Amino acid sequence: MRRAADGAARGRIEDMTQHRNLPSDEAAGQHTAQLARDILTHIPLARAMALGVDAYDGDSLTLSAPLAPNSNDKGCAFGGSLVSLMTLAGWGLIKLAMDRHGRDCDIFVQDSDVRYAAPVWNDFVAVARLVNGESFAAMFETLAARGRARARVRCIVPLPDGSAAATLEARFVAIERR
């Protein structure tokens, strides 16, 4: 029975990742598709949220979620879903950078600060990118020297008018597996 359920879940995961706007760069596209499969396979909350990987350009990652499974008692997006999507977007941005550079790392969120500015009444996205002044080059240099490195990531859930419904600034740590 468990095998049948696992197979059905894999089928749903493949369905959820097939119609996303993944990058045209073949290697980046493969890493992005693998990220979507990994998140949906290993993080049950992401499946419940119906998370999607929408776009990745090397500098930013956009994840999406429909409102219906992420709504609260008022009918708008649940704050826990917003912060979860932003955290997963930040984590995914670091994971994709490590994967594209052939680095096998465990990635953790070390700390974060979240702000909620307005309710979200529709399906939503979270966009993650490094904070100004941070760079993947510096992160890889530190990782090579110490076997671990940190980077600060800023994530935003934009409203249709471009303003922020919620923001998250978090520090992520990558530790090389030995």
N, C-alpha and C. Protein backbone atom coordinates (compact mmCIF):
# COMPACT_ATOMS: atom_id res chain seq x y z
N MET A 1 0.82 -1.20 0.00
CA MET A 1 0.00 0.00 0.00
C MET A 1 0.86 1.26 0.00
N ARG A 2 1.94 1.25 0.78
CA ARG A 2 2.83 2.40 0.85
C ARG A 2 3.45 2.70 -0.52
N ARG A 3 3.87 1.64 -1.25
CA ARG A 3 4.48 1.83 -2.56
C ARG A 3 3.50 2.50 -3.52
N ALA A 4 2.27 2.07 -3.50
CA ALA A 4 1.25 2.67 -4.38
C ALA A 4 1.06 4.14 -4.03
N ALA A 5 1.02 4.46 -2.76
CA ALA A 5 0.87 5.86 -2.33
C ALA A 5 2.08 6.67 -2.76
N ASP A 6 3.29 6.11 -2.61
CA ASP A 6 4.50 6.82 -3.03
C ASP A 6 4.47 7.07 -4.53
N GLY A 7 4.04 6.08 -5.30
CA GLY A 7 3.96 6.24 -6.75
C GLY A 7 2.95 7.31 -7.13
N ALA A 8 1.81 7.32 -6.46
CA ALA A 8 0.80 8.33 -6.73
C ALA A 8 1.32 9.72 -6.38
N ALA A 9 2.04 9.82 -5.26
CA ALA A 9 2.61 11.11 -4.87
C ALA A 9 3.63 11.57 -5.90
N ARG A 10 4.47 10.65 -6.40
CA ARG A 10 5.44 11.02 -7.42
C ARG A 10 4.74 11.52 -8.67
N GLY A 11 3.65 10.89 -9.05
CA GLY A 11 2.90 11.33 -10.21
C GLY A 11 2.36 12.74 -10.03
N ARG A 12 1.83 13.02 -8.84
CA ARG A 12 1.32 14.37 -8.56
C ARG A 12 2.47 15.37 -8.57
N ILE A 13 3.63 14.99 -8.02
CA ILE A 13 4.79 15.89 -8.00
C ILE A 13 5.22 16.20 -9.42
N GLU A 14 5.29 15.18 -10.28
CA GLU A 14 5.67 15.42 -11.67
C GLU A 14 4.67 16.33 -12.34
N ASP A 15 3.37 16.13 -12.10
CA ASP A 15 2.35 16.99 -12.68
C ASP A 15 2.53 18.44 -12.21
N MET A 16 2.89 18.62 -10.94
CA MET A 16 3.01 19.96 -10.38
C MET A 16 4.24 20.69 -10.92
N THR A 17 5.24 19.97 -11.41
CA THR A 17 6.47 20.62 -11.86
C THR A 17 6.56 20.73 -13.38
N GLN A 18 5.65 20.17 -14.12
CA GLN A 18 5.77 20.14 -15.57
C GLN A 18 5.47 21.47 -16.25
N HIS A 19 4.59 22.26 -15.74
CA HIS A 19 4.12 23.43 -16.47
C HIS A 19 4.66 24.74 -15.92
N ARG A 20 5.83 24.72 -15.40
CA ARG A 20 6.41 25.93 -14.84
C ARG A 20 7.33 26.59 -15.86
N ASN A 21 7.59 27.88 -15.68
CA ASN A 21 8.45 28.66 -16.56
C ASN A 21 9.90 28.50 -16.10
N LEU A 22 10.50 27.37 -16.47
CA LEU A 22 11.85 27.08 -16.05
C LEU A 22 12.82 27.70 -17.04
N PRO A 23 14.08 27.92 -16.63
CA PRO A 23 15.04 28.62 -17.48
C PRO A 23 15.35 27.86 -18.77
N SER A 24 15.77 28.63 -19.79
CA SER A 24 16.09 28.02 -21.06
C SER A 24 17.47 27.35 -21.03
N ASP A 25 18.38 27.82 -20.20
CA ASP A 25 19.69 27.19 -20.04
C ASP A 25 19.46 25.76 -19.57
N GLU A 26 19.92 24.79 -20.35
CA GLU A 26 19.60 23.40 -20.07
C GLU A 26 20.05 22.94 -18.69
N ALA A 27 21.29 23.28 -18.30
CA ALA A 27 21.80 22.85 -16.98
C ALA A 27 21.00 23.50 -15.87
N ALA A 28 20.72 24.79 -16.00
CA ALA A 28 19.93 25.49 -14.98
C ALA A 28 18.54 24.89 -14.91
N GLY A 29 17.97 24.57 -16.06
CA GLY A 29 16.65 23.97 -16.10
C GLY A 29 16.62 22.62 -15.41
N GLN A 30 17.67 21.82 -15.61
CA GLN A 30 17.74 20.52 -14.95
C GLN A 30 17.84 20.69 -13.44
N HIS A 31 18.67 21.63 -12.99
CA HIS A 31 18.80 21.86 -11.54
C HIS A 31 17.48 22.38 -10.96
N THR A 32 16.81 23.25 -11.70
CA THR A 32 15.55 23.81 -11.21
C THR A 32 14.47 22.73 -11.14
N ALA A 33 14.38 21.89 -12.16
CA ALA A 33 13.40 20.80 -12.13
C ALA A 33 13.71 19.84 -10.99
N GLN A 34 14.99 19.57 -10.74
CA GLN A 34 15.37 18.69 -9.63
C GLN A 34 15.01 19.34 -8.30
N LEU A 35 15.23 20.65 -8.18
CA LEU A 35 14.85 21.36 -6.95
C LEU A 35 13.36 21.19 -6.69
N ALA A 36 12.54 21.37 -7.71
CA ALA A 36 11.09 21.22 -7.55
C ALA A 36 10.75 19.81 -7.07
N ARG A 37 11.34 18.80 -7.69
CA ARG A 37 11.08 17.42 -7.28
C ARG A 37 11.53 17.19 -5.84
N ASP A 38 12.73 17.68 -5.49
CA ASP A 38 13.26 17.47 -4.14
C ASP A 38 12.37 18.13 -3.08
N ILE A 39 11.99 19.37 -3.32
CA ILE A 39 11.15 20.08 -2.34
C ILE A 39 9.83 19.34 -2.16
N LEU A 40 9.20 18.98 -3.26
CA LEU A 40 7.89 18.35 -3.18
C LEU A 40 7.96 16.92 -2.65
N THR A 41 9.08 16.25 -2.85
CA THR A 41 9.25 14.88 -2.36
C THR A 41 9.61 14.86 -0.88
N HIS A 42 10.49 15.75 -0.45
CA HIS A 42 11.05 15.66 0.90
C HIS A 42 10.46 16.63 1.91
N ILE A 43 9.66 17.57 1.46
CA ILE A 43 9.08 18.54 2.39
C ILE A 43 7.55 18.46 2.26
N PRO A 44 6.92 17.66 3.12
CA PRO A 44 5.46 17.46 3.01
C PRO A 44 4.66 18.76 3.01
N LEU A 45 5.10 19.75 3.75
CA LEU A 45 4.41 21.04 3.79
C LEU A 45 4.33 21.65 2.39
N ALA A 46 5.40 21.52 1.60
CA ALA A 46 5.41 22.08 0.25
C ALA A 46 4.35 21.42 -0.63
N ARG A 47 4.16 20.12 -0.45
CA ARG A 47 3.10 19.41 -1.20
C ARG A 47 1.74 19.93 -0.77
N ALA A 48 1.53 20.06 0.52
CA ALA A 48 0.24 20.55 1.02
C ALA A 48 -0.05 21.96 0.53
N MET A 49 1.01 22.75 0.39
CA MET A 49 0.87 24.12 -0.10
C MET A 49 0.68 24.17 -1.62
N ALA A 50 0.92 23.06 -2.32
CA ALA A 50 0.90 23.00 -3.79
C ALA A 50 1.93 23.96 -4.38
N LEU A 51 3.09 24.00 -3.76
CA LEU A 51 4.19 24.88 -4.16
C LEU A 51 4.61 24.60 -5.59
N GLY A 52 4.96 25.65 -6.31
CA GLY A 52 5.50 25.52 -7.66
C GLY A 52 6.80 26.30 -7.79
N VAL A 53 7.71 25.80 -8.61
CA VAL A 53 8.94 26.52 -8.94
C VAL A 53 8.67 27.20 -10.27
N ASP A 54 8.58 28.52 -10.26
CA ASP A 54 8.15 29.25 -11.45
C ASP A 54 9.28 29.78 -12.31
N ALA A 55 10.33 30.34 -11.71
CA ALA A 55 11.38 30.97 -12.50
C ALA A 55 12.68 31.00 -11.72
N TYR A 56 13.77 30.89 -12.47
CA TYR A 56 15.12 30.99 -11.89
C TYR A 56 16.03 31.54 -12.98
N ASP A 57 16.77 32.59 -12.65
CA ASP A 57 17.66 33.19 -13.64
C ASP A 57 19.12 33.24 -13.19
N GLY A 58 19.44 32.53 -12.11
CA GLY A 58 20.79 32.56 -11.58
C GLY A 58 20.96 33.57 -10.46
N ASP A 59 20.15 34.63 -10.49
CA ASP A 59 20.21 35.66 -9.44
C ASP A 59 18.97 35.67 -8.56
N SER A 60 17.86 35.18 -9.08
CA SER A 60 16.63 35.17 -8.30
C SER A 60 15.86 33.88 -8.58
N LEU A 61 15.07 33.49 -7.59
CA LEU A 61 14.22 32.32 -7.68
C LEU A 61 12.80 32.74 -7.30
N THR A 62 11.83 32.32 -8.11
CA THR A 62 10.43 32.62 -7.83
C THR A 62 9.68 31.31 -7.60
N LEU A 63 9.06 31.20 -6.45
CA LEU A 63 8.19 30.08 -6.11
C LEU A 63 6.76 30.60 -6.05
N SER A 64 5.79 29.71 -6.28
CA SER A 64 4.39 30.12 -6.25
C SER A 64 3.56 29.16 -5.42
N ALA A 65 2.39 29.66 -5.02
CA ALA A 65 1.43 28.83 -4.28
C ALA A 65 0.03 29.37 -4.55
N PRO A 66 -0.94 28.47 -4.72
CA PRO A 66 -2.32 28.92 -4.89
C PRO A 66 -2.92 29.32 -3.54
N LEU A 67 -3.87 30.21 -3.59
CA LEU A 67 -4.50 30.68 -2.35
C LEU A 67 -5.29 29.58 -1.64
N ALA A 68 -6.04 28.78 -2.38
CA ALA A 68 -6.99 27.84 -1.75
C ALA A 68 -6.39 26.98 -0.63
N PRO A 69 -5.28 26.26 -0.84
CA PRO A 69 -4.77 25.44 0.27
C PRO A 69 -3.94 26.24 1.27
N ASN A 70 -3.82 27.55 1.06
CA ASN A 70 -2.99 28.39 1.91
C ASN A 70 -3.76 29.54 2.54
N SER A 71 -5.07 29.38 2.61
CA SER A 71 -5.89 30.48 3.14
C SER A 71 -6.14 30.30 4.64
N ASN A 72 -6.48 31.41 5.26
CA ASN A 72 -6.80 31.39 6.69
C ASN A 72 -8.31 31.54 6.87
N ASP A 73 -8.74 31.76 8.08
CA ASP A 73 -10.17 31.87 8.39
C ASP A 73 -10.83 33.10 7.79
N LYS A 74 -10.04 34.06 7.33
CA LYS A 74 -10.58 35.28 6.71
C LYS A 74 -10.64 35.17 5.20
N GLY A 75 -10.05 34.10 4.64
CA GLY A 75 -10.05 33.91 3.20
C GLY A 75 -8.84 34.48 2.49
N CYS A 76 -7.93 35.09 3.23
CA CYS A 76 -6.69 35.58 2.62
C CYS A 76 -5.57 34.59 2.93
N ALA A 77 -4.39 34.84 2.39
CA ALA A 77 -3.27 33.91 2.59
C ALA A 77 -2.87 33.86 4.06
N PHE A 78 -2.68 32.66 4.55
CA PHE A 78 -2.22 32.40 5.92
C PHE A 78 -0.77 32.89 6.06
N GLY A 79 -0.48 33.62 7.12
CA GLY A 79 0.87 34.13 7.34
C GLY A 79 1.92 33.04 7.37
N GLY A 80 1.57 31.88 7.93
CA GLY A 80 2.51 30.77 7.95
C GLY A 80 2.86 30.27 6.56
N SER A 81 1.90 30.32 5.64
CA SER A 81 2.17 29.93 4.26
C SER A 81 3.07 30.95 3.58
N LEU A 82 2.84 32.23 3.85
CA LEU A 82 3.69 33.27 3.26
C LEU A 82 5.13 33.12 3.71
N VAL A 83 5.35 32.97 5.02
CA VAL A 83 6.71 32.84 5.51
C VAL A 83 7.34 31.53 5.06
N SER A 84 6.56 30.47 4.96
CA SER A 84 7.09 29.20 4.48
C SER A 84 7.55 29.31 3.04
N LEU A 85 6.72 29.93 2.19
CA LEU A 85 7.10 30.07 0.78
C LEU A 85 8.35 30.95 0.65
N MET A 86 8.43 32.02 1.41
CA MET A 86 9.62 32.88 1.34
C MET A 86 10.86 32.14 1.83
N THR A 87 10.74 31.39 2.92
CA THR A 87 11.89 30.63 3.44
C THR A 87 12.34 29.59 2.43
N LEU A 88 11.40 28.88 1.83
CA LEU A 88 11.75 27.88 0.81
C LEU A 88 12.37 28.54 -0.42
N ALA A 89 11.92 29.73 -0.78
CA ALA A 89 12.52 30.44 -1.92
C ALA A 89 13.97 30.81 -1.61
N GLY A 90 14.23 31.31 -0.40
CA GLY A 90 15.61 31.65 -0.02
C GLY A 90 16.49 30.42 0.03
N TRP A 91 15.98 29.36 0.65
CA TRP A 91 16.72 28.10 0.72
C TRP A 91 17.00 27.56 -0.68
N GLY A 92 15.98 27.60 -1.53
CA GLY A 92 16.12 27.10 -2.90
C GLY A 92 17.12 27.89 -3.72
N LEU A 93 17.16 29.21 -3.53
CA LEU A 93 18.14 30.04 -4.24
C LEU A 93 19.56 29.60 -3.91
N ILE A 94 19.84 29.39 -2.62
CA ILE A 94 21.18 28.94 -2.20
C ILE A 94 21.44 27.52 -2.72
N LYS A 95 20.44 26.65 -2.62
CA LYS A 95 20.59 25.27 -3.08
C LYS A 95 20.92 25.22 -4.57
N LEU A 96 20.21 26.01 -5.37
CA LEU A 96 20.48 26.02 -6.81
C LEU A 96 21.88 26.53 -7.12
N ALA A 97 22.32 27.55 -6.40
CA ALA A 97 23.68 28.06 -6.63
C ALA A 97 24.71 26.98 -6.32
N MET A 98 24.52 26.27 -5.20
CA MET A 98 25.45 25.19 -4.83
C MET A 98 25.42 24.07 -5.88
N ASP A 99 24.24 23.66 -6.28
CA ASP A 99 24.11 22.58 -7.27
C ASP A 99 24.76 22.96 -8.59
N ARG A 100 24.52 24.17 -9.06
CA ARG A 100 25.08 24.61 -10.35
C ARG A 100 26.60 24.68 -10.33
N HIS A 101 27.18 24.83 -9.15
CA HIS A 101 28.64 24.89 -9.03
C HIS A 101 29.23 23.58 -8.51
N GLY A 102 28.41 22.54 -8.51
CA GLY A 102 28.90 21.22 -8.13
C GLY A 102 29.27 21.08 -6.67
N ARG A 103 28.67 21.89 -5.81
CA ARG A 103 28.97 21.83 -4.37
C ARG A 103 27.89 21.03 -3.67
N ASP A 104 28.29 20.01 -2.93
CA ASP A 104 27.35 19.15 -2.20
C ASP A 104 27.27 19.67 -0.76
N CYS A 105 26.22 20.40 -0.47
CA CYS A 105 26.09 21.08 0.82
C CYS A 105 24.74 20.82 1.47
N ASP A 106 24.75 20.84 2.79
CA ASP A 106 23.52 20.94 3.56
C ASP A 106 23.29 22.43 3.75
N ILE A 107 22.05 22.86 3.58
CA ILE A 107 21.72 24.29 3.68
C ILE A 107 20.68 24.46 4.78
N PHE A 108 20.95 25.43 5.64
CA PHE A 108 20.09 25.70 6.79
C PHE A 108 19.77 27.18 6.84
N VAL A 109 18.59 27.51 7.33
CA VAL A 109 18.30 28.90 7.65
C VAL A 109 18.81 29.13 9.06
N GLN A 110 19.65 30.16 9.22
CA GLN A 110 20.25 30.44 10.53
C GLN A 110 19.37 31.39 11.34
N ASP A 111 18.90 32.43 10.70
CA ASP A 111 17.98 33.35 11.36
C ASP A 111 17.20 34.10 10.30
N SER A 112 16.10 34.70 10.72
CA SER A 112 15.29 35.44 9.75
C SER A 112 14.46 36.50 10.46
N ASP A 113 14.06 37.47 9.67
CA ASP A 113 13.18 38.54 10.13
C ASP A 113 12.08 38.68 9.09
N VAL A 114 10.84 38.57 9.52
CA VAL A 114 9.72 38.65 8.59
C VAL A 114 8.82 39.83 8.95
N ARG A 115 8.27 40.45 7.92
CA ARG A 115 7.34 41.56 8.10
C ARG A 115 6.14 41.33 7.19
N TYR A 116 4.97 41.54 7.76
CA TYR A 116 3.72 41.41 7.02
C TYR A 116 3.14 42.82 6.85
N ALA A 117 2.90 43.24 5.61
CA ALA A 117 2.45 44.60 5.35
C ALA A 117 0.99 44.67 4.89
N ALA A 118 0.51 43.63 4.21
CA ALA A 118 -0.85 43.68 3.66
C ALA A 118 -1.36 42.25 3.43
N PRO A 119 -2.67 42.06 3.50
CA PRO A 119 -3.21 40.73 3.21
C PRO A 119 -3.07 40.37 1.73
N VAL A 120 -3.01 39.09 1.46
CA VAL A 120 -2.92 38.57 0.09
C VAL A 120 -4.21 37.82 -0.19
N TRP A 121 -4.94 38.26 -1.22
CA TRP A 121 -6.26 37.70 -1.52
C TRP A 121 -6.28 36.83 -2.77
N ASN A 122 -5.10 36.57 -3.36
CA ASN A 122 -5.01 35.79 -4.59
C ASN A 122 -3.88 34.77 -4.47
N ASP A 123 -3.73 33.94 -5.50
CA ASP A 123 -2.55 33.09 -5.58
C ASP A 123 -1.34 34.02 -5.43
N PHE A 124 -0.23 33.49 -4.93
CA PHE A 124 0.90 34.37 -4.65
C PHE A 124 2.23 33.73 -5.00
N VAL A 125 3.25 34.59 -5.11
CA VAL A 125 4.61 34.15 -5.38
C VAL A 125 5.53 34.74 -4.33
N ALA A 126 6.69 34.12 -4.18
CA ALA A 126 7.77 34.66 -3.37
C ALA A 126 9.00 34.72 -4.26
N VAL A 127 9.66 35.85 -4.26
CA VAL A 127 10.86 36.06 -5.07
C VAL A 127 12.04 36.24 -4.11
N ALA A 128 13.08 35.43 -4.31
CA ALA A 128 14.27 35.49 -3.45
C ALA A 128 15.47 35.92 -4.27
N ARG A 129 16.30 36.77 -3.66
CA ARG A 129 17.59 37.14 -4.26
C ARG A 129 18.53 37.52 -3.13
N LEU A 130 19.81 37.50 -3.40
CA LEU A 130 20.77 37.89 -2.37
C LEU A 130 20.57 39.34 -1.99
N VAL A 131 20.83 39.67 -0.73
CA VAL A 131 20.78 41.04 -0.25
C VAL A 131 21.90 41.83 -0.93
N ASN A 132 21.66 43.10 -1.22
CA ASN A 132 22.71 43.95 -1.79
C ASN A 132 23.98 43.84 -0.95
N GLY A 133 25.11 43.69 -1.62
CA GLY A 133 26.39 43.56 -0.93
C GLY A 133 26.83 42.11 -0.76
N GLU A 134 25.91 41.17 -0.91
CA GLU A 134 26.25 39.74 -0.84
C GLU A 134 26.54 39.25 -2.25
N SER A 135 27.37 38.21 -2.37
CA SER A 135 27.62 37.63 -3.68
C SER A 135 27.86 36.13 -3.56
N PHE A 136 27.46 35.42 -4.60
CA PHE A 136 27.73 33.99 -4.62
C PHE A 136 29.23 33.75 -4.72
N ALA A 137 29.95 34.62 -5.43
CA ALA A 137 31.41 34.45 -5.56
C ALA A 137 32.07 34.47 -4.18
N ALA A 138 31.68 35.41 -3.33
CA ALA A 138 32.24 35.48 -1.98
C ALA A 138 31.82 34.26 -1.17
N MET A 139 30.61 33.81 -1.36
CA MET A 139 30.13 32.64 -0.64
C MET A 139 30.95 31.40 -1.04
N PHE A 140 31.19 31.23 -2.34
CA PHE A 140 31.97 30.08 -2.80
C PHE A 140 33.42 30.16 -2.34
N GLU A 141 33.97 31.36 -2.27
CA GLU A 141 35.34 31.54 -1.79
C GLU A 141 35.45 31.12 -0.32
N THR A 142 34.51 31.55 0.49
CA THR A 142 34.50 31.18 1.91
C THR A 142 34.26 29.68 2.06
N LEU A 143 33.36 29.14 1.26
CA LEU A 143 33.07 27.71 1.31
C LEU A 143 34.32 26.89 0.99
N ALA A 144 35.07 27.31 0.00
CA ALA A 144 36.30 26.60 -0.38
C ALA A 144 37.34 26.66 0.75
N ALA A 145 37.41 27.79 1.43
CA ALA A 145 38.41 27.97 2.48
C ALA A 145 38.01 27.31 3.80
N ARG A 146 36.72 27.33 4.13
CA ARG A 146 36.29 26.89 5.46
C ARG A 146 35.35 25.69 5.48
N GLY A 147 34.81 25.32 4.32
CA GLY A 147 33.86 24.21 4.28
C GLY A 147 32.46 24.62 4.70
N ARG A 148 32.26 25.89 4.96
CA ARG A 148 30.95 26.44 5.31
C ARG A 148 30.94 27.92 4.95
N ALA A 149 29.77 28.42 4.63
CA ALA A 149 29.65 29.83 4.26
C ALA A 149 28.22 30.29 4.53
N ARG A 150 28.06 31.60 4.62
CA ARG A 150 26.74 32.20 4.87
C ARG A 150 26.43 33.23 3.81
N ALA A 151 25.15 33.44 3.60
CA ALA A 151 24.70 34.52 2.73
C ALA A 151 23.34 35.00 3.22
N ARG A 152 23.13 36.30 3.09
CA ARG A 152 21.83 36.87 3.45
C ARG A 152 20.98 36.98 2.19
N VAL A 153 19.73 36.60 2.33
CA VAL A 153 18.78 36.58 1.22
C VAL A 153 17.57 37.42 1.62
N ARG A 154 17.07 38.18 0.64
CA ARG A 154 15.83 38.94 0.84
C ARG A 154 14.76 38.33 -0.05
N CYS A 155 13.61 38.08 0.55
CA CYS A 155 12.47 37.50 -0.17
C CYS A 155 11.29 38.45 -0.04
N ILE A 156 10.50 38.50 -1.08
CA ILE A 156 9.33 39.36 -1.09
C ILE A 156 8.15 38.60 -1.68
N VAL A 157 6.98 38.84 -1.10
CA VAL A 157 5.71 38.40 -1.70
C VAL A 157 5.08 39.69 -2.23
N PRO A 158 5.15 39.87 -3.56
CA PRO A 158 4.61 41.12 -4.11
C PRO A 158 3.10 41.07 -4.28
N LEU A 159 2.49 42.22 -4.16
CA LEU A 159 1.07 42.39 -4.47
C LEU A 159 0.94 42.72 -5.96
N PRO A 160 -0.25 42.65 -6.52
CA PRO A 160 -0.42 42.97 -7.94
C PRO A 160 0.11 44.35 -8.33
N ASP A 161 0.08 45.32 -7.40
CA ASP A 161 0.57 46.67 -7.73
C ASP A 161 2.09 46.80 -7.57
N GLY A 162 2.77 45.71 -7.19
CA GLY A 162 4.23 45.73 -7.06
C GLY A 162 4.72 45.99 -5.65
N SER A 163 3.85 46.46 -4.77
CA SER A 163 4.27 46.68 -3.39
C SER A 163 4.39 45.33 -2.68
N ALA A 164 5.00 45.35 -1.51
CA ALA A 164 5.26 44.10 -0.78
C ALA A 164 4.13 43.78 0.19
N ALA A 165 3.59 42.58 0.07
CA ALA A 165 2.63 42.09 1.06
C ALA A 165 3.38 41.57 2.28
N ALA A 166 4.55 40.95 2.02
CA ALA A 166 5.38 40.41 3.09
C ALA A 166 6.82 40.37 2.61
N THR A 167 7.74 40.52 3.56
CA THR A 167 9.17 40.41 3.24
C THR A 167 9.84 39.54 4.29
N LEU A 168 10.91 38.93 3.88
CA LEU A 168 11.72 38.12 4.79
C LEU A 168 13.17 38.38 4.44
N GLU A 169 13.97 38.66 5.46
CA GLU A 169 15.41 38.70 5.28
C GLU A 169 15.97 37.61 6.17
N ALA A 170 16.76 36.73 5.57
CA ALA A 170 17.26 35.57 6.30
C ALA A 170 18.72 35.31 5.97
N ARG A 171 19.40 34.72 6.93
CA ARG A 171 20.78 34.29 6.70
C ARG A 171 20.74 32.77 6.56
N PHE A 172 21.28 32.29 5.45
CA PHE A 172 21.37 30.86 5.17
C PHE A 172 22.82 30.42 5.27
N VAL A 173 23.01 29.23 5.79
CA VAL A 173 24.34 28.65 5.95
C VAL A 173 24.42 27.41 5.07
N ALA A 174 25.52 27.31 4.32
CA ALA A 174 25.81 26.12 3.52
C ALA A 174 27.01 25.43 4.14
N ILE A 175 26.88 24.15 4.43
CA ILE A 175 27.97 23.37 5.03
C ILE A 175 28.25 22.20 4.10
N GLU A 176 29.50 22.12 3.63
CA GLU A 176 29.86 21.02 2.72
C GLU A 176 29.75 19.68 3.42
N ARG A 177 29.19 18.75 2.69
CA ARG A 177 29.15 17.36 3.19
C ARG A 177 30.51 16.75 2.95
N ARG A 178 30.99 16.04 3.89
CA ARG A 178 32.34 15.43 3.76
C ARG A 178 32.24 13.97 3.46
